[in-house]
Amino acid sequence: MASTVRERCNKSAFRRGMAARFEKFFDLKDKACLGAEDAAYENRVPKDMFLEGKAAMYRGTGADIITFPGRGEDEVLLMPYFGDTEQDGWYLTYPAFQIAASNKGMDDPDREKLILDVMTAMLNQDGQNHISYGKNMIPYNKDVTLELLPELENLKPYIDENKMYIRLASNDMFRISKDVVQMILKDEVKTPKEALDAFNAEMSSDNPEDEIAAHIDTAYSNDFTKEHGNMAPLPFAIL
């Protein structure tokens, strides 16, 4: 019973949070005069407009700061996502890697040690030094220190206060959020409540079937042998 009540509270809080976000987006749409034309923009267009001095800001990353060619005498900063006050800004971060290990591996002491050794090698100072190309990576473990680019110095107060959040991939959430934002820009929904209803309807519907991109007619054994390796072909090409 307690678990059911907690789940209902979590869902209710999520809906309130989404409703507030749609209200803010409608407010942004009205103030920035966004419309159907903006819904058709490719991802590159806002960045090009910024480089040409036609836009004040665009959604970028630390990698953009590293490769940024400059824009006259303008000082360019990586800014946080704005909250309701100056103290409520947060930075979005992307995981450099994600680790998955089977629980069964922990039943075998040798495999458990191997898993922990691999994780340690990836998460310790030496491991993160190897993968932090460009000096735009922020460690989440306190015993690792990575140097930031001078262009990212303004992030330090946010890092010190832990005002960072991690982007966790959810294809359904991304797809449905994009669908509803497109509906808002095209005036297919008129109010934040209609947008929330459309979002909830898509979230509760069955997932669309994925289109088949390739089909392999010949079956191969997936067994691995010392003589021949694995006979099964890769389902993708490495480009």
Foldseek 3Di string as FASTA:
>chain_A
DVVVVVVVVVVVVVLVVLLVVLQVVLVVCVVVVFALVVLPDDQCVVVVCVLVVNDPDDDDAPVCVLPPPDRPPDQDADFFDDDPDPVQGAHEDEDLDDDDDDPVLVVDVVSVVVSVVVVCCCQAQVNVVVSCPPQRDDHPDPRHDTHHDPRHVVCVVCVVVVRYDYDDDDPQVVVLVSVLSSCVRHVVDPHSVSSSVSSVVSVPDDDDDDDDPDDDPDDFDQDADPVPGGPDDDPDDDD
